[in-house]
Protein backbone atom coordinates (compact mmCIF):
# COMPACT_ATOMS: atom_id res chain seq x y z
CA MET A 1 87.03 155.91 100.94
CA ASN A 2 89.30 157.04 103.80
CA GLN A 3 88.32 160.27 105.48
CA VAL A 4 91.07 162.60 106.69
CA SER A 5 91.49 165.96 108.37
CA MET A 6 93.34 168.80 106.74
CA ILE A 7 95.41 171.21 108.82
CA LEU A 8 95.86 174.55 107.07
CA LEU A 9 98.75 176.53 108.54
CA SER A 10 97.65 180.10 108.04
CA GLY A 11 100.39 181.77 110.05
CA GLY A 12 101.93 184.16 107.57
CA ILE A 13 101.77 187.88 108.23
CA GLY A 14 103.11 189.05 104.86
CA THR A 15 106.50 190.27 106.06
CA ARG A 16 108.60 188.79 103.25
CA MET A 17 106.17 190.08 100.63
CA ARG A 18 106.17 193.49 102.33
CA LEU A 19 102.41 193.54 102.51
CA ASN A 20 100.22 195.54 104.86
CA THR A 21 97.98 192.51 105.25
CA PRO A 22 98.72 188.81 105.83
CA LYS A 23 98.91 186.70 102.66
CA GLN A 24 95.83 184.68 103.60
CA PHE A 25 93.72 187.84 103.36
CA LEU A 26 95.25 189.11 100.12
CA MET A 27 92.39 189.69 97.67
CA ILE A 28 92.60 187.67 94.46
CA GLY A 29 89.70 187.81 92.03
CA GLY A 30 87.50 189.49 94.64
CA LYS A 31 88.10 186.88 97.37
CA PRO A 32 90.74 186.45 100.06
CA MET A 33 93.43 183.90 99.19
CA ILE A 34 92.34 181.66 102.09
CA VAL A 35 88.86 181.38 100.55
CA HIS A 36 90.35 180.13 97.27
CA VAL A 37 92.29 177.49 99.21
CA LEU A 38 89.23 176.41 101.20
CA GLU A 39 87.13 176.15 98.03
CA LYS A 40 89.71 173.77 96.54
CA VAL A 41 89.89 171.75 99.74
CA GLU A 42 86.11 171.40 99.79
CA SER A 43 86.24 169.73 96.39
CA ILE A 44 88.39 166.88 97.77
CA ASP A 45 86.02 164.13 98.88
CA ASP A 46 88.51 162.44 101.21
CA ILE A 47 88.81 165.54 103.43
CA ALA A 48 86.20 165.40 106.18
CA GLU A 49 87.20 168.43 108.24
CA ILE A 50 89.49 171.45 108.06
CA ILE A 51 91.55 172.83 110.93
CA ILE A 52 93.05 176.28 110.43
CA THR A 53 95.85 177.64 112.60
CA SER A 54 96.04 181.42 112.68
CA PRO A 55 98.14 184.01 114.48
CA ARG A 56 96.38 185.35 117.60
CA ASP A 57 96.09 188.86 116.11
CA TYR A 58 94.19 187.49 113.09
CA LEU A 59 91.90 184.88 114.70
CA ASP A 60 88.81 187.11 114.55
CA GLN A 61 89.49 188.12 110.95
CA THR A 62 89.97 184.46 109.95
CA VAL A 63 86.69 183.46 111.58
CA GLU A 64 84.92 186.41 109.95
CA VAL A 65 86.18 185.48 106.47
CA ILE A 66 84.99 181.90 106.94
CA HIS A 67 81.56 183.00 108.15
CA ASP A 68 81.23 185.37 105.18
CA HIS A 69 81.47 182.41 102.77
CA GLN A 70 79.49 179.21 102.44
CA PHE A 71 81.55 176.15 103.33
CA LEU A 72 80.00 172.73 103.73
CA LYS A 73 82.78 170.96 105.61
CA PRO A 74 83.34 171.63 109.30
CA ILE A 75 86.08 174.20 109.88
CA LYS A 76 87.84 174.72 113.21
CA VAL A 77 89.99 177.83 113.72
CA ILE A 78 92.63 177.85 116.44
CA GLU A 79 95.54 180.01 117.49
CA GLY A 80 98.75 178.73 115.97
CA GLY A 81 102.01 178.26 117.82
CA ALA A 82 105.20 180.28 117.91
CA THR A 83 106.70 177.94 115.30
CA ARG A 84 105.38 175.91 112.38
CA GLN A 85 105.94 172.74 114.42
CA GLU A 86 103.89 174.08 117.33
CA SER A 87 101.08 175.04 114.95
CA VAL A 88 101.05 171.53 113.45
CA PHE A 89 100.99 170.02 116.95
CA LYS A 90 98.07 172.23 118.00
CA GLY A 91 96.20 171.30 114.82
CA LEU A 92 96.78 167.58 115.38
CA GLN A 93 95.27 167.88 118.85
CA LEU A 94 91.95 168.93 117.26
CA VAL A 95 91.73 166.15 114.67
CA THR A 96 88.54 164.17 115.16
CA ARG A 97 89.61 160.86 116.70
CA GLU A 98 87.59 158.79 114.23
CA LEU A 99 89.77 160.17 111.44
CA TRP A 100 93.08 158.91 112.89
């Protein structure tokens, strides 16, 4: 089985949906949307680690949400870039070398 890293781009701030909160923190069924995504990712055996990019203003909230829930796989949270491409690049820099 090949092990891979997953980079979750969590950079939305809810502007297009006209929300007061970023989409990743939108409550669905009593849990933030990002928790639902992470629960699904945890069920994929090939994924060894998760790297989340987040806007600077929401780094603490992202970390708090992760700590409030029980996840078995290692999760790294970093500040995303100014563009989607920059966020992907930053995430790739944190991929565990053995998973390349």
